[in-house]
């Protein structure tokens, strides 16, 4: 619980810094672009969920999978959350890590 409290305080601190900086720039007439909402396709989310389910069923952590792929854990997290638009080559490497065949079906 102590970590959670510390994290909350840290988030509040950085949010305050952001808001003050944002208002200062806005007051000087400097325009900042608004955050854009990212739309994730249902197909990508289905694939992401399948990858996560298989990884968990095999007992791999994201870190284990990243080491086997020669990448970092954050990349695996982005894939599993649907935020990474990865290539078919990357998907084939993931299938190899899982020792599964890769079947792509077009409708």
N, C-alpha and C. Protein backbone atom coordinates (compact mmCIF):
# COMPACT_ATOMS: atom_id res chain seq x y z
N UNK A 1 0.81 -1.19 0.00
CA UNK A 1 0.00 0.00 0.00
C UNK A 1 0.86 1.26 0.00
N UNK A 2 1.98 1.18 0.65
CA UNK A 2 2.86 2.34 0.74
C UNK A 2 3.31 2.80 -0.65
N UNK A 3 3.60 1.81 -1.51
CA UNK A 3 4.02 2.15 -2.87
C UNK A 3 2.90 2.89 -3.61
N UNK A 4 1.68 2.44 -3.44
CA UNK A 4 0.55 3.08 -4.11
C UNK A 4 0.40 4.53 -3.69
N UNK A 5 0.59 4.80 -2.40
CA UNK A 5 0.48 6.17 -1.92
C UNK A 5 1.58 7.03 -2.53
N UNK A 6 2.79 6.49 -2.54
CA UNK A 6 3.91 7.21 -3.14
C UNK A 6 3.65 7.48 -4.61
N UNK A 7 3.12 6.49 -5.32
CA UNK A 7 2.83 6.66 -6.74
C UNK A 7 1.78 7.73 -6.95
N UNK A 8 0.75 7.73 -6.13
CA UNK A 8 -0.32 8.73 -6.26
C UNK A 8 0.24 10.13 -6.06
N UNK A 9 1.09 10.30 -5.04
CA UNK A 9 1.71 11.60 -4.80
C UNK A 9 2.55 12.03 -5.99
N UNK A 10 3.25 11.10 -6.58
CA UNK A 10 4.11 11.40 -7.73
C UNK A 10 3.27 11.84 -8.93
N UNK A 11 2.18 11.14 -9.18
CA UNK A 11 1.29 11.49 -10.29
C UNK A 11 0.73 12.89 -10.09
N UNK A 12 0.29 13.19 -8.88
CA UNK A 12 -0.25 14.52 -8.58
C UNK A 12 0.81 15.59 -8.80
N UNK A 13 2.03 15.32 -8.38
CA UNK A 13 3.13 16.26 -8.56
C UNK A 13 3.33 16.57 -10.04
N UNK A 14 3.47 15.54 -10.87
CA UNK A 14 3.73 15.76 -12.29
C UNK A 14 2.53 16.35 -13.02
N UNK A 15 1.33 16.01 -12.58
CA UNK A 15 0.13 16.60 -13.17
C UNK A 15 0.10 18.11 -12.88
N UNK A 16 0.48 18.50 -11.68
CA UNK A 16 0.55 19.91 -11.31
C UNK A 16 1.59 20.65 -12.15
N UNK A 17 2.76 20.05 -12.32
CA UNK A 17 3.82 20.64 -13.15
C UNK A 17 3.30 20.84 -14.58
N UNK A 18 2.64 19.81 -15.12
CA UNK A 18 2.11 19.90 -16.48
C UNK A 18 1.10 21.03 -16.60
N UNK A 19 0.16 21.08 -15.66
CA UNK A 19 -0.89 22.10 -15.73
C UNK A 19 -0.31 23.51 -15.64
N UNK A 20 0.66 23.73 -14.77
CA UNK A 20 1.28 25.04 -14.64
C UNK A 20 2.05 25.41 -15.91
N UNK A 21 2.77 24.47 -16.45
CA UNK A 21 3.53 24.71 -17.69
C UNK A 21 2.57 24.99 -18.85
N UNK A 22 1.52 24.20 -18.94
CA UNK A 22 0.54 24.36 -20.00
C UNK A 22 -0.11 25.74 -19.93
N UNK A 23 -0.53 26.14 -18.75
CA UNK A 23 -1.16 27.46 -18.58
C UNK A 23 -0.18 28.58 -18.89
N UNK A 24 1.08 28.41 -18.49
CA UNK A 24 2.10 29.43 -18.77
C UNK A 24 2.32 29.60 -20.27
N UNK A 25 2.39 28.50 -21.00
CA UNK A 25 2.57 28.57 -22.45
C UNK A 25 1.33 29.14 -23.13
N UNK A 26 0.18 28.71 -22.65
CA UNK A 26 -1.08 29.21 -23.21
C UNK A 26 -1.19 30.73 -23.00
N UNK A 27 -0.78 31.20 -21.81
CA UNK A 27 -0.81 32.63 -21.50
C UNK A 27 0.12 33.44 -22.39
N UNK A 28 1.19 32.80 -22.88
CA UNK A 28 2.14 33.49 -23.78
C UNK A 28 1.74 33.34 -25.24
N UNK A 29 0.57 32.70 -25.49
CA UNK A 29 0.08 32.58 -26.86
C UNK A 29 0.65 31.39 -27.63
N UNK A 30 1.31 30.50 -26.95
CA UNK A 30 1.88 29.32 -27.60
C UNK A 30 0.82 28.22 -27.61
N UNK A 31 0.54 27.70 -28.79
CA UNK A 31 -0.49 26.66 -28.91
C UNK A 31 0.16 25.29 -28.84
N UNK A 32 -0.43 24.44 -28.05
CA UNK A 32 0.01 23.05 -27.96
C UNK A 32 -1.07 22.19 -28.60
N UNK A 33 -0.65 21.16 -29.27
CA UNK A 33 -1.67 20.32 -29.90
C UNK A 33 -2.37 19.48 -28.85
N UNK A 34 -3.63 19.25 -29.10
CA UNK A 34 -4.45 18.47 -28.19
C UNK A 34 -4.13 16.99 -28.37
N UNK A 35 -4.20 16.22 -27.30
CA UNK A 35 -3.96 14.78 -27.44
C UNK A 35 -5.01 14.17 -28.35
N UNK A 36 -4.57 13.28 -29.20
CA UNK A 36 -5.48 12.65 -30.14
C UNK A 36 -5.93 11.30 -29.58
N UNK A 37 -7.19 11.03 -29.75
CA UNK A 37 -7.73 9.76 -29.29
C UNK A 37 -7.36 8.69 -30.32
N UNK A 38 -6.78 7.61 -29.84
CA UNK A 38 -6.35 6.53 -30.71
C UNK A 38 -7.45 5.49 -30.78
N UNK A 39 -7.87 5.18 -32.00
CA UNK A 39 -8.88 4.15 -32.18
C UNK A 39 -8.18 2.85 -32.54
N UNK A 40 -8.47 1.83 -31.77
CA UNK A 40 -7.86 0.52 -31.99
C UNK A 40 -8.92 -0.38 -32.61
N UNK A 41 -8.57 -1.00 -33.72
CA UNK A 41 -9.54 -1.84 -34.42
C UNK A 41 -9.87 -3.08 -33.59
N UNK A 42 -11.08 -3.59 -33.79
CA UNK A 42 -11.51 -4.77 -33.06
C UNK A 42 -10.66 -5.99 -33.43
N UNK A 43 -10.20 -6.04 -34.68
CA UNK A 43 -9.37 -7.15 -35.12
C UNK A 43 -8.04 -7.16 -34.37
N UNK A 44 -7.45 -5.97 -34.21
CA UNK A 44 -6.17 -5.88 -33.50
C UNK A 44 -6.36 -6.26 -32.03
N UNK A 45 -7.48 -5.84 -31.44
CA UNK A 45 -7.73 -6.18 -30.04
C UNK A 45 -7.96 -7.68 -29.86
N UNK A 46 -8.64 -8.31 -30.81
CA UNK A 46 -8.84 -9.77 -30.73
C UNK A 46 -7.50 -10.49 -30.79
N UNK A 47 -6.65 -10.06 -31.71
CA UNK A 47 -5.33 -10.67 -31.85
C UNK A 47 -4.49 -10.42 -30.59
N UNK A 48 -4.55 -9.22 -30.06
CA UNK A 48 -3.81 -8.88 -28.84
C UNK A 48 -4.26 -9.77 -27.68
N UNK A 49 -5.56 -9.97 -27.56
CA UNK A 49 -6.10 -10.81 -26.48
C UNK A 49 -5.68 -12.26 -26.66
N UNK A 50 -5.65 -12.74 -27.90
CA UNK A 50 -5.20 -14.11 -28.17
C UNK A 50 -3.74 -14.29 -27.77
N UNK A 51 -2.92 -13.32 -28.12
CA UNK A 51 -1.50 -13.39 -27.77
C UNK A 51 -1.33 -13.42 -26.26
N UNK A 52 -2.03 -12.54 -25.57
CA UNK A 52 -1.95 -12.50 -24.09
C UNK A 52 -2.42 -13.82 -23.48
N UNK A 53 -3.55 -14.35 -23.97
CA UNK A 53 -4.09 -15.60 -23.42
C UNK A 53 -3.12 -16.77 -23.61
N UNK A 54 -2.53 -16.87 -24.79
CA UNK A 54 -1.58 -17.95 -25.05
C UNK A 54 -0.34 -17.79 -24.17
N UNK A 55 0.16 -16.57 -24.06
CA UNK A 55 1.35 -16.32 -23.23
C UNK A 55 1.08 -16.73 -21.78
N UNK A 56 -0.06 -16.34 -21.27
CA UNK A 56 -0.39 -16.66 -19.88
C UNK A 56 -0.62 -18.16 -19.69
N UNK A 57 -1.26 -18.80 -20.68
CA UNK A 57 -1.50 -20.24 -20.59
C UNK A 57 -0.17 -21.00 -20.56
N UNK A 58 0.82 -20.52 -21.29
CA UNK A 58 2.14 -21.16 -21.31
C UNK A 58 2.98 -20.79 -20.09
N UNK A 59 2.51 -19.85 -19.31
CA UNK A 59 3.22 -19.46 -18.09
C UNK A 59 4.37 -18.50 -18.30
N UNK A 60 4.38 -17.82 -19.45
CA UNK A 60 5.43 -16.84 -19.72
C UNK A 60 5.04 -15.48 -19.14
N UNK A 61 6.00 -14.75 -18.67
CA UNK A 61 5.78 -13.34 -18.33
C UNK A 61 6.05 -12.53 -19.59
N UNK A 62 5.70 -11.27 -19.57
CA UNK A 62 6.02 -10.41 -20.71
C UNK A 62 7.53 -10.31 -20.86
N UNK A 63 8.24 -10.29 -19.75
CA UNK A 63 9.70 -10.22 -19.77
C UNK A 63 10.30 -11.47 -20.43
N UNK A 64 9.77 -12.65 -20.08
CA UNK A 64 10.23 -13.91 -20.69
C UNK A 64 10.05 -13.86 -22.21
N UNK A 65 8.88 -13.44 -22.61
CA UNK A 65 8.56 -13.39 -24.04
C UNK A 65 9.45 -12.39 -24.76
N UNK A 66 9.69 -11.25 -24.13
CA UNK A 66 10.55 -10.23 -24.73
C UNK A 66 11.96 -10.77 -24.94
N UNK A 67 12.49 -11.49 -23.96
CA UNK A 67 13.83 -12.06 -24.09
C UNK A 67 13.89 -13.04 -25.24
N UNK A 68 12.86 -13.87 -25.38
CA UNK A 68 12.82 -14.86 -26.46
C UNK A 68 12.73 -14.19 -27.83
N UNK A 69 12.08 -13.02 -27.88
CA UNK A 69 11.94 -12.28 -29.14
C UNK A 69 13.10 -11.33 -29.39
N UNK A 70 13.93 -11.11 -28.36
CA UNK A 70 15.04 -10.18 -28.52
C UNK A 70 14.58 -8.73 -28.51
N UNK A 71 13.59 -8.44 -27.68
CA UNK A 71 13.04 -7.09 -27.59
C UNK A 71 12.87 -6.72 -26.12
N UNK A 72 12.12 -5.67 -25.85
CA UNK A 72 11.90 -5.23 -24.47
C UNK A 72 10.47 -5.54 -24.04
N UNK A 73 10.27 -5.59 -22.74
CA UNK A 73 8.96 -5.93 -22.17
C UNK A 73 7.90 -4.93 -22.60
N UNK A 74 8.27 -3.66 -22.73
CA UNK A 74 7.30 -2.62 -23.09
C UNK A 74 6.68 -2.89 -24.47
N UNK A 75 7.47 -3.46 -25.38
CA UNK A 75 6.96 -3.80 -26.71
C UNK A 75 5.86 -4.86 -26.60
N UNK A 76 6.09 -5.85 -25.75
CA UNK A 76 5.09 -6.91 -25.56
C UNK A 76 3.83 -6.31 -24.95
N UNK A 77 3.99 -5.42 -23.99
CA UNK A 77 2.84 -4.76 -23.37
C UNK A 77 2.04 -3.99 -24.41
N UNK A 78 2.73 -3.26 -25.27
CA UNK A 78 2.02 -2.49 -26.31
C UNK A 78 1.26 -3.43 -27.25
N UNK A 79 1.86 -4.55 -27.61
CA UNK A 79 1.18 -5.53 -28.47
C UNK A 79 -0.08 -6.03 -27.78
N UNK A 80 0.05 -6.44 -26.52
CA UNK A 80 -1.07 -7.03 -25.79
C UNK A 80 -2.17 -6.03 -25.46
N UNK A 81 -1.86 -4.76 -25.47
CA UNK A 81 -2.87 -3.73 -25.23
C UNK A 81 -3.43 -3.15 -26.52
N UNK A 82 -2.94 -3.64 -27.66
CA UNK A 82 -3.45 -3.18 -28.95
C UNK A 82 -2.87 -1.87 -29.42
N UNK A 83 -1.82 -1.39 -28.76
CA UNK A 83 -1.24 -0.10 -29.12
C UNK A 83 -0.06 -0.21 -30.07
N UNK A 84 0.30 -1.43 -30.46
CA UNK A 84 1.44 -1.61 -31.36
C UNK A 84 0.92 -2.21 -32.67
N UNK A 85 1.21 -1.54 -33.76
CA UNK A 85 0.84 -2.04 -35.08
C UNK A 85 2.04 -2.84 -35.61
N UNK A 86 2.10 -4.09 -35.22
CA UNK A 86 3.27 -4.90 -35.54
C UNK A 86 3.12 -5.61 -36.87
N UNK A 87 4.24 -6.06 -37.41
CA UNK A 87 4.27 -6.66 -38.75
C UNK A 87 3.93 -8.15 -38.70
N UNK A 88 3.69 -8.70 -39.87
CA UNK A 88 3.46 -10.14 -39.98
C UNK A 88 4.72 -10.89 -39.58
N UNK A 89 5.89 -10.33 -39.88
CA UNK A 89 7.14 -10.95 -39.45
C UNK A 89 7.21 -11.06 -37.93
N UNK A 90 6.80 -10.00 -37.24
CA UNK A 90 6.79 -10.02 -35.77
C UNK A 90 5.79 -11.06 -35.27
N UNK A 91 4.65 -11.14 -35.93
CA UNK A 91 3.64 -12.12 -35.55
C UNK A 91 4.17 -13.54 -35.75
N UNK A 92 4.91 -13.76 -36.83
CA UNK A 92 5.51 -15.08 -37.08
C UNK A 92 6.53 -15.42 -35.99
N UNK A 93 7.31 -14.43 -35.56
CA UNK A 93 8.28 -14.67 -34.48
C UNK A 93 7.57 -14.99 -33.18
N UNK A 94 6.46 -14.32 -32.92
CA UNK A 94 5.67 -14.60 -31.72
C UNK A 94 5.13 -16.03 -31.78
N UNK A 95 4.63 -16.43 -32.93
CA UNK A 95 4.13 -17.80 -33.10
C UNK A 95 5.26 -18.81 -32.85
N UNK A 96 6.47 -18.51 -33.31
CA UNK A 96 7.61 -19.40 -33.06
C UNK A 96 7.91 -19.51 -31.56
N UNK A 97 7.86 -18.40 -30.85
CA UNK A 97 8.10 -18.42 -29.40
C UNK A 97 7.07 -19.33 -28.72
N UNK A 98 5.83 -19.27 -29.18
CA UNK A 98 4.75 -20.07 -28.61
C UNK A 98 4.75 -21.51 -29.13
N UNK A 99 5.63 -21.77 -30.10
CA UNK A 99 5.68 -23.07 -30.78
C UNK A 99 4.31 -23.41 -31.37
N UNK A 100 3.73 -22.42 -32.02
CA UNK A 100 2.42 -22.55 -32.68
C UNK A 100 2.59 -22.25 -34.15
N UNK A 101 1.70 -22.77 -34.95
CA UNK A 101 1.69 -22.44 -36.37
C UNK A 101 0.94 -21.13 -36.56
N UNK A 102 1.34 -20.39 -37.58
CA UNK A 102 0.68 -19.13 -37.88
C UNK A 102 -0.25 -19.34 -39.07
N UNK A 103 -1.54 -19.11 -38.84
CA UNK A 103 -2.54 -19.25 -39.89
C UNK A 103 -3.24 -17.90 -40.03
N UNK A 104 -3.19 -17.35 -41.23
CA UNK A 104 -3.87 -16.08 -41.49
C UNK A 104 -5.05 -16.37 -42.41
N UNK A 105 -6.22 -15.97 -41.96
CA UNK A 105 -7.43 -16.24 -42.70
C UNK A 105 -8.04 -14.92 -43.13
N UNK A 106 -8.27 -14.76 -44.42
CA UNK A 106 -8.89 -13.55 -44.94
C UNK A 106 -10.38 -13.82 -45.17
N UNK A 107 -11.21 -12.84 -44.86
CA UNK A 107 -12.65 -13.01 -45.06
C UNK A 107 -13.08 -12.30 -46.30
